[in-house]
Amino acid sequence: MKSNSTKVGSILAAVLLVAGGFALLGAKHDPGSAGHSMANHGEGKLKEGGQSTFAALIEVVNVFEADAKTDWAAIDIDGLRSHLLDMNDLVINTNAVTEVVDGNTIRFNVVTNGGVDSLGAIHRMVQAHSRFIEQSRGWKIAHATNDSGATVTITANDASDMVRLKALGFYGFMSLDSHHQAHHYQIAMGVGH
């Protein structure tokens, strides 16, 4: 059995460890805030705001908050949230198969795997992304939606594009050209999906 002084020492050590952790983070805990208030918010130390959807929302709201010219009447954070949920559904609740049609044409067949909102996500995301990639890459892209998902047919410019597309598959194709941040900003500004 531990002595009282050993128990006190253990408790003190635990308290100092926790306090030291807050000190390392540069945080000042406010007991009345359920742990959500930090003196300097860990500025410069942490980059991720938690779950990625929430982190994207934090990022765009911070940009708006920092801009004195933000037209708050036009801001549509709920619209951005809906789009981010579509992105999640597309990755998590669908399946895709790659089919090489010929030497310079590839087709992605993407179908829902039963996720409640995944069919709508497929339809919305494939249409918008195909249009963007066609413009940015110069590939000929045709897409068609159906009752179970969509097909995306891409005619590549050369053999190296075909190798790239086969390696990327549908999900890699959907991530091309890192336009998402600008697109998310536009959605949050209320100017598109």
N, C-alpha and C. Protein backbone atom coordinates (compact mmCIF):
# COMPACT_ATOMS: atom_id res chain seq x y z
N MET A 1 0.84 -1.17 0.00
CA MET A 1 0.00 0.00 0.00
C MET A 1 0.89 1.24 0.00
N LYS A 2 0.54 2.22 -0.87
CA LYS A 2 1.33 3.43 -0.96
C LYS A 2 1.04 4.34 0.22
N SER A 3 2.06 5.06 0.65
CA SER A 3 1.88 6.04 1.72
C SER A 3 1.18 7.26 1.17
N ASN A 4 0.63 8.09 2.07
CA ASN A 4 -0.04 9.31 1.64
C ASN A 4 0.91 10.23 0.89
N SER A 5 2.16 10.30 1.34
CA SER A 5 3.12 11.18 0.67
C SER A 5 3.43 10.67 -0.74
N THR A 6 3.43 9.36 -0.95
CA THR A 6 3.65 8.79 -2.28
C THR A 6 2.47 9.10 -3.18
N LYS A 7 1.24 8.99 -2.64
CA LYS A 7 0.03 9.32 -3.41
C LYS A 7 0.03 10.78 -3.80
N VAL A 8 0.34 11.66 -2.85
CA VAL A 8 0.39 13.09 -3.12
C VAL A 8 1.45 13.38 -4.17
N GLY A 9 2.60 12.75 -4.04
CA GLY A 9 3.67 12.93 -5.01
C GLY A 9 3.24 12.49 -6.41
N SER A 10 2.53 11.38 -6.52
CA SER A 10 2.05 10.88 -7.81
C SER A 10 1.04 11.83 -8.41
N ILE A 11 0.12 12.32 -7.57
CA ILE A 11 -0.90 13.25 -8.05
C ILE A 11 -0.23 14.55 -8.50
N LEU A 12 0.71 15.05 -7.71
CA LEU A 12 1.43 16.27 -8.06
C LEU A 12 2.19 16.10 -9.37
N ALA A 13 2.82 14.97 -9.55
CA ALA A 13 3.56 14.69 -10.79
C ALA A 13 2.60 14.69 -11.99
N ALA A 14 1.43 14.09 -11.83
CA ALA A 14 0.43 14.05 -12.91
C ALA A 14 -0.05 15.45 -13.24
N VAL A 15 -0.32 16.25 -12.21
CA VAL A 15 -0.78 17.63 -12.42
C VAL A 15 0.29 18.43 -13.14
N LEU A 16 1.54 18.29 -12.71
CA LEU A 16 2.63 19.01 -13.36
C LEU A 16 2.83 18.57 -14.80
N LEU A 17 2.65 17.28 -15.07
CA LEU A 17 2.76 16.78 -16.43
C LEU A 17 1.70 17.40 -17.33
N VAL A 18 0.46 17.42 -16.85
CA VAL A 18 -0.63 18.04 -17.62
C VAL A 18 -0.37 19.53 -17.79
N ALA A 19 -0.02 20.21 -16.70
CA ALA A 19 0.26 21.64 -16.76
C ALA A 19 1.42 21.91 -17.72
N GLY A 20 2.44 21.08 -17.66
CA GLY A 20 3.58 21.24 -18.57
C GLY A 20 3.17 21.07 -20.02
N GLY A 21 2.25 20.13 -20.26
CA GLY A 21 1.74 19.93 -21.63
C GLY A 21 1.05 21.18 -22.15
N PHE A 22 0.23 21.82 -21.30
CA PHE A 22 -0.42 23.06 -21.70
C PHE A 22 0.62 24.16 -21.92
N ALA A 23 1.63 24.20 -21.07
CA ALA A 23 2.67 25.21 -21.21
C ALA A 23 3.42 25.02 -22.53
N LEU A 24 3.69 23.76 -22.89
CA LEU A 24 4.38 23.50 -24.15
C LEU A 24 3.54 23.93 -25.34
N LEU A 25 2.26 23.79 -25.23
CA LEU A 25 1.37 24.21 -26.31
C LEU A 25 1.16 25.72 -26.31
N GLY A 26 1.62 26.38 -25.26
CA GLY A 26 1.43 27.82 -25.19
C GLY A 26 0.00 28.16 -24.86
N ALA A 27 -0.70 27.25 -24.20
CA ALA A 27 -2.12 27.43 -23.95
C ALA A 27 -2.37 27.77 -22.51
N LYS A 28 -3.41 28.53 -22.30
CA LYS A 28 -3.87 28.84 -20.95
C LYS A 28 -5.27 28.28 -20.85
N HIS A 29 -5.47 27.29 -20.01
CA HIS A 29 -6.76 26.63 -19.90
C HIS A 29 -7.73 27.50 -19.13
N ASP A 30 -8.92 27.64 -19.65
CA ASP A 30 -9.99 28.37 -18.99
C ASP A 30 -11.03 27.36 -18.56
N PRO A 31 -11.11 27.05 -17.23
CA PRO A 31 -11.99 25.99 -16.79
C PRO A 31 -13.45 26.24 -17.13
N GLY A 32 -13.85 27.46 -17.35
CA GLY A 32 -15.25 27.74 -17.66
C GLY A 32 -15.60 27.53 -19.11
N SER A 33 -14.64 27.10 -19.92
CA SER A 33 -14.91 27.01 -21.35
C SER A 33 -14.95 25.59 -21.87
N ALA A 34 -15.00 24.63 -21.01
CA ALA A 34 -15.01 23.21 -21.40
C ALA A 34 -13.81 22.87 -22.26
N GLY A 35 -12.69 23.57 -22.04
CA GLY A 35 -11.46 23.23 -22.74
C GLY A 35 -11.34 23.81 -24.13
N HIS A 36 -12.24 24.72 -24.54
CA HIS A 36 -12.19 25.25 -25.90
C HIS A 36 -11.47 26.58 -26.00
N SER A 37 -11.01 27.15 -24.89
CA SER A 37 -10.36 28.45 -24.94
C SER A 37 -8.88 28.30 -24.62
N MET A 38 -8.06 28.83 -25.51
CA MET A 38 -6.63 28.85 -25.29
C MET A 38 -6.18 30.29 -25.52
N ALA A 39 -5.23 30.75 -24.72
CA ALA A 39 -4.80 32.15 -24.79
C ALA A 39 -4.37 32.53 -26.20
N ASN A 40 -3.53 31.74 -26.85
CA ASN A 40 -3.09 32.09 -28.20
C ASN A 40 -3.51 31.05 -29.22
N HIS A 41 -4.43 30.19 -28.88
CA HIS A 41 -5.00 29.18 -29.78
C HIS A 41 -3.95 28.29 -30.42
N GLY A 42 -2.80 28.16 -29.80
CA GLY A 42 -1.75 27.31 -30.35
C GLY A 42 -1.25 27.81 -31.69
N GLU A 43 -1.36 29.11 -31.94
CA GLU A 43 -1.00 29.69 -33.23
C GLU A 43 0.39 29.26 -33.65
N GLY A 44 0.50 28.80 -34.88
CA GLY A 44 1.77 28.41 -35.43
C GLY A 44 2.22 27.00 -35.05
N LYS A 45 1.52 26.37 -34.14
CA LYS A 45 1.94 25.05 -33.68
C LYS A 45 1.11 23.94 -34.31
N LEU A 46 -0.19 24.11 -34.31
CA LEU A 46 -1.09 23.09 -34.86
C LEU A 46 -1.69 23.60 -36.16
N LYS A 47 -1.84 22.71 -37.11
CA LYS A 47 -2.41 23.10 -38.41
C LYS A 47 -3.78 22.49 -38.65
N GLU A 48 -4.02 21.30 -38.18
CA GLU A 48 -5.27 20.57 -38.46
C GLU A 48 -6.29 20.89 -37.37
N GLY A 49 -7.50 21.28 -37.80
CA GLY A 49 -8.56 21.64 -36.87
C GLY A 49 -9.43 20.47 -36.49
N GLY A 50 -8.92 19.25 -36.56
CA GLY A 50 -9.72 18.08 -36.22
C GLY A 50 -10.07 17.31 -37.48
N GLN A 51 -11.25 16.80 -37.52
CA GLN A 51 -11.75 16.06 -38.67
C GLN A 51 -11.64 16.96 -39.91
N SER A 52 -11.31 16.42 -41.05
CA SER A 52 -10.94 17.23 -42.21
C SER A 52 -12.07 18.13 -42.71
N THR A 53 -13.31 17.70 -42.64
CA THR A 53 -14.42 18.57 -43.06
C THR A 53 -14.46 19.79 -42.15
N PHE A 54 -14.37 19.57 -40.86
CA PHE A 54 -14.39 20.68 -39.92
C PHE A 54 -13.18 21.57 -40.13
N ALA A 55 -12.02 20.98 -40.40
CA ALA A 55 -10.81 21.76 -40.63
C ALA A 55 -10.96 22.66 -41.85
N ALA A 56 -11.59 22.17 -42.91
CA ALA A 56 -11.82 23.00 -44.10
C ALA A 56 -12.76 24.16 -43.77
N LEU A 57 -13.78 23.89 -42.97
CA LEU A 57 -14.69 24.96 -42.56
C LEU A 57 -13.96 26.00 -41.72
N ILE A 58 -13.14 25.54 -40.79
CA ILE A 58 -12.35 26.46 -39.95
C ILE A 58 -11.48 27.35 -40.83
N GLU A 59 -10.83 26.72 -41.81
CA GLU A 59 -9.91 27.47 -42.66
C GLU A 59 -10.63 28.59 -43.42
N VAL A 60 -11.76 28.27 -44.02
CA VAL A 60 -12.45 29.29 -44.81
C VAL A 60 -13.07 30.36 -43.91
N VAL A 61 -13.61 29.97 -42.77
CA VAL A 61 -14.17 30.96 -41.85
C VAL A 61 -13.07 31.90 -41.35
N ASN A 62 -11.89 31.37 -41.06
CA ASN A 62 -10.78 32.21 -40.63
C ASN A 62 -10.39 33.23 -41.70
N VAL A 63 -10.42 32.83 -42.96
CA VAL A 63 -10.12 33.75 -44.06
C VAL A 63 -11.16 34.87 -44.09
N PHE A 64 -12.43 34.51 -43.96
CA PHE A 64 -13.49 35.52 -43.97
C PHE A 64 -13.39 36.45 -42.76
N GLU A 65 -13.11 35.86 -41.61
CA GLU A 65 -12.99 36.65 -40.38
C GLU A 65 -11.85 37.66 -40.49
N ALA A 66 -10.79 37.30 -41.17
CA ALA A 66 -9.62 38.18 -41.28
C ALA A 66 -9.81 39.28 -42.32
N ASP A 67 -10.83 39.17 -43.14
CA ASP A 67 -11.07 40.13 -44.22
C ASP A 67 -12.20 41.07 -43.82
N ALA A 68 -11.85 42.33 -43.55
CA ALA A 68 -12.85 43.32 -43.13
C ALA A 68 -13.90 43.57 -44.21
N LYS A 69 -13.60 43.21 -45.46
CA LYS A 69 -14.52 43.44 -46.58
C LYS A 69 -15.46 42.27 -46.83
N THR A 70 -15.42 41.23 -45.99
CA THR A 70 -16.28 40.07 -46.19
C THR A 70 -17.75 40.50 -46.19
N ASP A 71 -18.46 40.09 -47.22
CA ASP A 71 -19.90 40.35 -47.32
C ASP A 71 -20.62 39.17 -46.67
N TRP A 72 -20.86 39.26 -45.39
CA TRP A 72 -21.42 38.15 -44.63
C TRP A 72 -22.79 37.74 -45.14
N ALA A 73 -23.52 38.64 -45.78
CA ALA A 73 -24.84 38.29 -46.31
C ALA A 73 -24.74 37.30 -47.46
N ALA A 74 -23.59 37.25 -48.13
CA ALA A 74 -23.40 36.35 -49.27
C ALA A 74 -22.76 35.02 -48.88
N ILE A 75 -22.22 34.93 -47.69
CA ILE A 75 -21.47 33.74 -47.28
C ILE A 75 -22.41 32.54 -47.13
N ASP A 76 -21.95 31.37 -47.61
CA ASP A 76 -22.77 30.15 -47.56
C ASP A 76 -21.94 28.99 -47.02
N ILE A 77 -21.70 28.98 -45.73
CA ILE A 77 -20.92 27.91 -45.11
C ILE A 77 -21.68 26.59 -45.18
N ASP A 78 -23.01 26.63 -45.08
CA ASP A 78 -23.80 25.40 -45.20
C ASP A 78 -23.63 24.78 -46.59
N GLY A 79 -23.54 25.62 -47.62
CA GLY A 79 -23.30 25.10 -48.97
C GLY A 79 -21.95 24.42 -49.09
N LEU A 80 -20.93 25.02 -48.47
CA LEU A 80 -19.61 24.39 -48.46
C LEU A 80 -19.66 23.07 -47.71
N ARG A 81 -20.33 23.05 -46.58
CA ARG A 81 -20.46 21.80 -45.81
C ARG A 81 -21.11 20.71 -46.67
N SER A 82 -22.16 21.04 -47.39
CA SER A 82 -22.82 20.06 -48.27
C SER A 82 -21.85 19.51 -49.30
N HIS A 83 -21.05 20.39 -49.88
CA HIS A 83 -20.07 19.95 -50.88
C HIS A 83 -19.02 19.04 -50.25
N LEU A 84 -18.55 19.39 -49.07
CA LEU A 84 -17.55 18.57 -48.39
C LEU A 84 -18.13 17.20 -48.05
N LEU A 85 -19.40 17.15 -47.70
CA LEU A 85 -20.05 15.86 -47.46
C LEU A 85 -20.13 15.04 -48.75
N ASP A 86 -20.41 15.72 -49.87
CA ASP A 86 -20.39 15.03 -51.18
C ASP A 86 -19.01 14.42 -51.42
N MET A 87 -17.96 15.17 -51.15
CA MET A 87 -16.61 14.65 -51.35
C MET A 87 -16.38 13.41 -50.50
N ASN A 88 -16.82 13.47 -49.27
CA ASN A 88 -16.67 12.32 -48.37
C ASN A 88 -17.45 11.12 -48.90
N ASP A 89 -18.72 11.34 -49.27
CA ASP A 89 -19.53 10.24 -49.81
C ASP A 89 -18.92 9.63 -51.06
N LEU A 90 -18.37 10.49 -51.92
CA LEU A 90 -17.77 9.99 -53.16
C LEU A 90 -16.61 9.05 -52.88
N VAL A 91 -15.81 9.36 -51.88
CA VAL A 91 -14.63 8.53 -51.58
C VAL A 91 -15.01 7.31 -50.75
N ILE A 92 -15.90 7.47 -49.80
CA ILE A 92 -16.21 6.41 -48.84
C ILE A 92 -17.32 5.47 -49.32
N ASN A 93 -18.32 6.01 -50.00
CA ASN A 93 -19.53 5.23 -50.28
C ASN A 93 -19.74 4.90 -51.75
N THR A 94 -18.65 4.77 -52.49
CA THR A 94 -18.74 4.39 -53.90
C THR A 94 -17.67 3.36 -54.23
N ASN A 95 -17.84 2.73 -55.37
CA ASN A 95 -16.82 1.82 -55.92
C ASN A 95 -16.59 2.23 -57.37
N ALA A 96 -15.36 2.11 -57.83
CA ALA A 96 -15.04 2.49 -59.20
C ALA A 96 -14.22 1.41 -59.87
N VAL A 97 -14.46 1.24 -61.16
CA VAL A 97 -13.73 0.28 -61.98
C VAL A 97 -13.15 1.04 -63.16
N THR A 98 -11.91 0.75 -63.49
CA THR A 98 -11.23 1.38 -64.62
C THR A 98 -11.24 0.43 -65.80
N GLU A 99 -11.61 0.96 -66.97
CA GLU A 99 -11.65 0.16 -68.19
C GLU A 99 -10.88 0.90 -69.28
N VAL A 100 -9.87 0.24 -69.85
CA VAL A 100 -9.15 0.83 -70.97
C VAL A 100 -9.96 0.52 -72.23
N VAL A 101 -10.43 1.58 -72.89
CA VAL A 101 -11.28 1.43 -74.08
C VAL A 101 -10.43 1.19 -75.31
N ASP A 102 -9.38 1.97 -75.46
CA ASP A 102 -8.41 1.78 -76.55
C ASP A 102 -7.11 2.46 -76.14
N GLY A 103 -6.20 2.64 -77.08
CA GLY A 103 -4.87 3.15 -76.77
C GLY A 103 -4.81 4.53 -76.14
N ASN A 104 -5.84 5.34 -76.37
CA ASN A 104 -5.81 6.68 -75.77
C ASN A 104 -7.12 7.04 -75.05
N THR A 105 -7.94 6.05 -74.76
CA THR A 105 -9.21 6.31 -74.08
C THR A 105 -9.39 5.38 -72.89
N ILE A 106 -9.80 5.96 -71.79
CA ILE A 106 -10.03 5.21 -70.56
C ILE A 106 -11.41 5.58 -70.03
N ARG A 107 -12.06 4.63 -69.37
CA ARG A 107 -13.40 4.88 -68.82
C ARG A 107 -13.40 4.46 -67.35
N PHE A 108 -13.96 5.33 -66.53
CA PHE A 108 -14.19 5.02 -65.12
C PHE A 108 -15.68 4.81 -64.93
N ASN A 109 -16.03 3.67 -64.37
CA ASN A 109 -17.41 3.39 -64.00
C ASN A 109 -17.49 3.46 -62.49
N VAL A 110 -18.24 4.41 -61.98
CA VAL A 110 -18.35 4.60 -60.54
C VAL A 110 -19.80 4.38 -60.12
N VAL A 111 -19.98 3.58 -59.09
CA VAL A 111 -21.32 3.24 -58.62
C VAL A 111 -21.40 3.42 -57.11
N THR A 112 -22.60 3.67 -56.65
CA THR A 112 -22.83 3.77 -55.21
C THR A 112 -22.72 2.38 -54.59
N ASN A 113 -22.24 2.33 -53.37
CA ASN A 113 -22.23 1.05 -52.67
C ASN A 113 -23.29 1.04 -51.57
N GLY A 114 -24.30 1.90 -51.74
CA GLY A 114 -25.43 1.89 -50.82
C GLY A 114 -25.48 3.05 -49.86
N GLY A 115 -24.48 3.91 -49.88
CA GLY A 115 -24.52 5.08 -49.00
C GLY A 115 -25.72 5.95 -49.34
N VAL A 116 -26.37 6.47 -48.33
CA VAL A 116 -27.63 7.20 -48.50
C VAL A 116 -27.52 8.32 -49.53
N ASP A 117 -26.48 9.14 -49.44
CA ASP A 117 -26.36 10.29 -50.32
C ASP A 117 -25.32 10.12 -51.42
N SER A 118 -24.78 8.92 -51.56
CA SER A 118 -23.66 8.75 -52.49
C SER A 118 -24.06 8.89 -53.95
N LEU A 119 -25.27 8.51 -54.33
CA LEU A 119 -25.68 8.65 -55.73
C LEU A 119 -25.72 10.12 -56.13
N GLY A 120 -26.31 10.94 -55.30
CA GLY A 120 -26.33 12.38 -55.57
C GLY A 120 -24.93 12.96 -55.60
N ALA A 121 -24.07 12.48 -54.69
CA ALA A 121 -22.69 12.96 -54.66
C ALA A 121 -21.97 12.60 -55.95
N ILE A 122 -22.16 11.39 -56.43
CA ILE A 122 -21.55 10.97 -57.70
C ILE A 122 -22.00 11.92 -58.81
N HIS A 123 -23.30 12.12 -58.92
CA HIS A 123 -23.83 12.95 -60.00
C HIS A 123 -23.28 14.38 -59.93
N ARG A 124 -23.28 14.97 -58.76
CA ARG A 124 -22.80 16.36 -58.62
C ARG A 124 -21.30 16.47 -58.84
N MET A 125 -20.53 15.59 -58.23
CA MET A 125 -19.07 15.71 -58.27
C MET A 125 -18.50 15.37 -59.64
N VAL A 126 -19.00 14.33 -60.28
CA VAL A 126 -18.48 13.93 -61.60
C VAL A 126 -18.70 15.04 -62.61
N GLN A 127 -19.88 15.62 -62.61
CA GLN A 127 -20.17 16.68 -63.58
C GLN A 127 -19.24 17.87 -63.39
N ALA A 128 -19.14 18.37 -62.18
CA ALA A 128 -18.32 19.56 -61.93
C ALA A 128 -16.84 19.30 -62.16
N HIS A 129 -16.35 18.18 -61.68
CA HIS A 129 -14.92 17.90 -61.79
C HIS A 129 -14.51 17.59 -63.22
N SER A 130 -15.34 16.86 -63.94
CA SER A 130 -15.01 16.54 -65.34
C SER A 130 -14.85 17.81 -66.15
N ARG A 131 -15.73 18.75 -65.96
CA ARG A 131 -15.68 20.02 -66.68
C ARG A 131 -14.38 20.77 -66.35
N PHE A 132 -14.03 20.81 -65.08
CA PHE A 132 -12.81 21.52 -64.67
C PHE A 132 -11.56 20.87 -65.26
N ILE A 133 -11.46 19.55 -65.15
CA ILE A 133 -10.26 18.85 -65.64
C ILE A 133 -10.16 18.93 -67.16
N GLU A 134 -11.28 18.89 -67.84
CA GLU A 134 -11.24 19.04 -69.30
C GLU A 134 -10.61 20.38 -69.68
N GLN A 135 -10.98 21.42 -68.96
CA GLN A 135 -10.42 22.75 -69.23
C GLN A 135 -8.95 22.83 -68.83
N SER A 136 -8.59 22.28 -67.68
CA SER A 136 -7.21 22.44 -67.20
C SER A 136 -6.21 21.52 -67.89
N ARG A 137 -6.64 20.33 -68.30
CA ARG A 137 -5.71 19.36 -68.89
C ARG A 137 -5.80 19.27 -70.41
N GLY A 138 -6.91 19.75 -70.97
CA GLY A 138 -7.08 19.65 -72.42
C GLY A 138 -7.50 18.27 -72.88
N TRP A 139 -7.89 17.40 -71.97
CA TRP A 139 -8.39 16.09 -72.34
C TRP A 139 -9.84 16.20 -72.78
N LYS A 140 -10.26 15.31 -73.67
CA LYS A 140 -11.67 15.24 -74.02
C LYS A 140 -12.34 14.34 -72.99
N ILE A 141 -13.31 14.87 -72.26
CA ILE A 141 -13.96 14.11 -71.19
C ILE A 141 -15.47 14.12 -71.41
N ALA A 142 -16.03 12.92 -71.45
CA ALA A 142 -17.48 12.77 -71.52
C ALA A 142 -17.93 12.07 -70.25
N HIS A 143 -19.02 12.53 -69.71
CA HIS A 143 -19.56 11.86 -68.52
C HIS A 143 -21.06 11.68 -68.69
N ALA A 144 -21.55 10.62 -68.09
CA ALA A 144 -22.98 10.34 -68.13
C ALA A 144 -23.39 9.78 -66.77
N THR A 145 -24.49 10.28 -66.26
CA THR A 145 -25.01 9.75 -65.00
C THR A 145 -26.06 8.69 -65.30
N ASN A 146 -26.24 7.79 -64.35
CA ASN A 146 -27.26 6.75 -64.49
C ASN A 146 -27.84 6.45 -63.11
N ASP A 147 -28.72 5.46 -63.03
CA ASP A 147 -29.41 5.16 -61.79
C ASP A 147 -28.52 4.58 -60.69
N SER A 148 -27.33 4.12 -61.04
CA SER A 148 -26.44 3.56 -60.02
C SER A 148 -25.16 4.36 -59.83
N GLY A 149 -24.92 5.37 -60.69
CA GLY A 149 -23.71 6.15 -60.56
C GLY A 149 -23.43 6.97 -61.80
N ALA A 150 -22.24 6.76 -62.38
CA ALA A 150 -21.84 7.54 -63.55
C ALA A 150 -20.69 6.86 -64.27
N THR A 151 -20.50 7.27 -65.51
CA THR A 151 -19.31 6.86 -66.26
C THR A 151 -18.58 8.14 -66.67
N VAL A 152 -17.26 8.05 -66.66
CA VAL A 152 -16.42 9.15 -67.11
C VAL A 152 -15.48 8.56 -68.15
N THR A 153 -15.55 9.07 -69.38
CA THR A 153 -14.70 8.58 -70.46
C THR A 153 -13.74 9.70 -70.83
N ILE A 154 -12.45 9.37 -70.80
CA ILE A 154 -11.41 10.37 -71.04
C ILE A 154 -10.56 9.94 -72.23
N THR A 155 -10.45 10.84 -73.18
CA THR A 155 -9.53 10.63 -74.30
C THR A 155 -8.29 11.46 -73.99
N ALA A 156 -7.20 10.77 -73.77
CA ALA A 156 -5.95 11.41 -73.36
C ALA A 156 -5.21 11.96 -74.57
N ASN A 157 -4.29 12.87 -74.29
CA ASN A 157 -3.51 13.51 -75.36
C ASN A 157 -2.37 12.64 -75.85
N ASP A 158 -1.81 11.80 -74.96
CA ASP A 158 -0.67 10.98 -75.36
C ASP A 158 -0.55 9.77 -74.44
N ALA A 159 0.41 8.92 -74.74
CA ALA A 159 0.59 7.67 -74.00
C ALA A 159 0.92 7.91 -72.53
N SER A 160 1.68 8.97 -72.24
CA SER A 160 2.03 9.22 -70.84
C SER A 160 0.80 9.61 -70.01
N ASP A 161 -0.15 10.30 -70.64
CA ASP A 161 -1.41 10.61 -69.95
C ASP A 161 -2.19 9.33 -69.64
N MET A 162 -2.19 8.39 -70.57
CA MET A 162 -2.88 7.11 -70.34
C MET A 162 -2.26 6.35 -69.18
N VAL A 163 -0.93 6.31 -69.12
CA VAL A 163 -0.25 5.64 -68.01
C VAL A 163 -0.65 6.31 -66.70
N ARG A 164 -0.64 7.64 -66.70
CA ARG A 164 -1.01 8.39 -65.50
C ARG A 164 -2.45 8.09 -65.09
N LEU A 165 -3.38 8.12 -66.03
CA LEU A 165 -4.79 7.88 -65.72
C LEU A 165 -5.03 6.47 -65.20
N LYS A 166 -4.35 5.48 -65.79
CA LYS A 166 -4.49 4.11 -65.28
C LYS A 166 -3.99 4.01 -63.86
N ALA A 167 -2.89 4.68 -63.55
CA ALA A 167 -2.34 4.65 -62.19
C ALA A 167 -3.24 5.38 -61.21
N LEU A 168 -3.80 6.50 -61.63
CA LEU A 168 -4.65 7.30 -60.75
C LEU A 168 -5.99 6.63 -60.46
N GLY A 169 -6.58 6.01 -61.48
CA GLY A 169 -7.93 5.50 -61.32
C GLY A 169 -8.90 6.65 -61.10
N PHE A 170 -10.14 6.32 -60.81
CA PHE A 170 -11.17 7.33 -60.66
C PHE A 170 -10.88 8.30 -59.52
N TYR A 171 -10.50 7.78 -58.37
CA TYR A 171 -10.33 8.64 -57.20
C TYR A 171 -9.13 9.56 -57.33
N GLY A 172 -8.06 9.07 -57.94
CA GLY A 172 -6.92 9.94 -58.22
C GLY A 172 -7.27 10.99 -59.25
N PHE A 173 -8.05 10.60 -60.27
CA PHE A 173 -8.53 11.55 -61.27
C PHE A 173 -9.31 12.67 -60.60
N MET A 174 -10.16 12.32 -59.64
CA MET A 174 -10.97 13.33 -58.96
C MET A 174 -10.13 14.28 -58.11
N SER A 175 -8.90 13.89 -57.78
CA SER A 175 -8.05 14.75 -56.95
C SER A 175 -7.11 15.63 -57.76
N LEU A 176 -7.12 15.49 -59.07
CA LEU A 176 -6.17 16.20 -59.91
C LEU A 176 -6.28 17.72 -59.81
N ASP A 177 -5.16 18.36 -59.96
CA ASP A 177 -5.00 19.81 -60.16
C ASP A 177 -5.34 20.67 -58.96
N SER A 178 -5.50 20.09 -57.81
CA SER A 178 -5.66 20.81 -56.55
C SER A 178 -6.45 22.11 -56.69
N HIS A 179 -7.55 22.02 -57.37
CA HIS A 179 -8.43 23.19 -57.52
C HIS A 179 -9.41 23.30 -56.35
N HIS A 180 -9.39 22.31 -55.48
CA HIS A 180 -10.43 22.20 -54.46
C HIS A 180 -10.48 23.40 -53.51
N GLN A 181 -9.33 23.92 -53.10
CA GLN A 181 -9.35 25.03 -52.16
C GLN A 181 -10.03 26.25 -52.77
N ALA A 182 -9.68 26.58 -54.01
CA ALA A 182 -10.32 27.72 -54.67
C ALA A 182 -11.80 27.47 -54.87
N HIS A 183 -12.14 26.23 -55.22
CA HIS A 183 -13.54 25.85 -55.42
C HIS A 183 -14.31 25.97 -54.10
N HIS A 184 -13.72 25.53 -53.01
CA HIS A 184 -14.37 25.62 -51.71
C HIS A 184 -14.59 27.07 -51.31
N TYR A 185 -13.63 27.91 -51.60
CA TYR A 185 -13.76 29.34 -51.30
C TYR A 185 -14.94 29.92 -52.07
N GLN A 186 -15.06 29.57 -53.37
CA GLN A 186 -16.17 30.06 -54.18
C GLN A 186 -17.52 29.60 -53.63
N ILE A 187 -17.60 28.33 -53.24
CA ILE A 187 -18.84 27.82 -52.68
C ILE A 187 -19.20 28.59 -51.41
N ALA A 188 -18.24 28.76 -50.53
CA ALA A 188 -18.48 29.46 -49.27
C ALA A 188 -18.87 30.92 -49.51
N MET A 189 -18.38 31.50 -50.61
CA MET A 189 -18.75 32.87 -50.98
C MET A 189 -20.16 32.93 -51.58
N GLY A 190 -20.76 31.75 -51.81
CA GLY A 190 -22.11 31.71 -52.34
C GLY A 190 -22.17 31.84 -53.84
N VAL A 191 -21.06 31.51 -54.54
CA VAL A 191 -21.02 31.69 -56.01
C VAL A 191 -20.81 30.38 -56.75
N GLY A 192 -21.45 29.31 -56.33
CA GLY A 192 -21.36 28.09 -57.11
C GLY A 192 -21.27 26.85 -56.26
N HIS A 193 -21.41 25.71 -56.93
CA HIS A 193 -21.26 24.40 -56.27
C HIS A 193 -20.10 23.71 -56.82
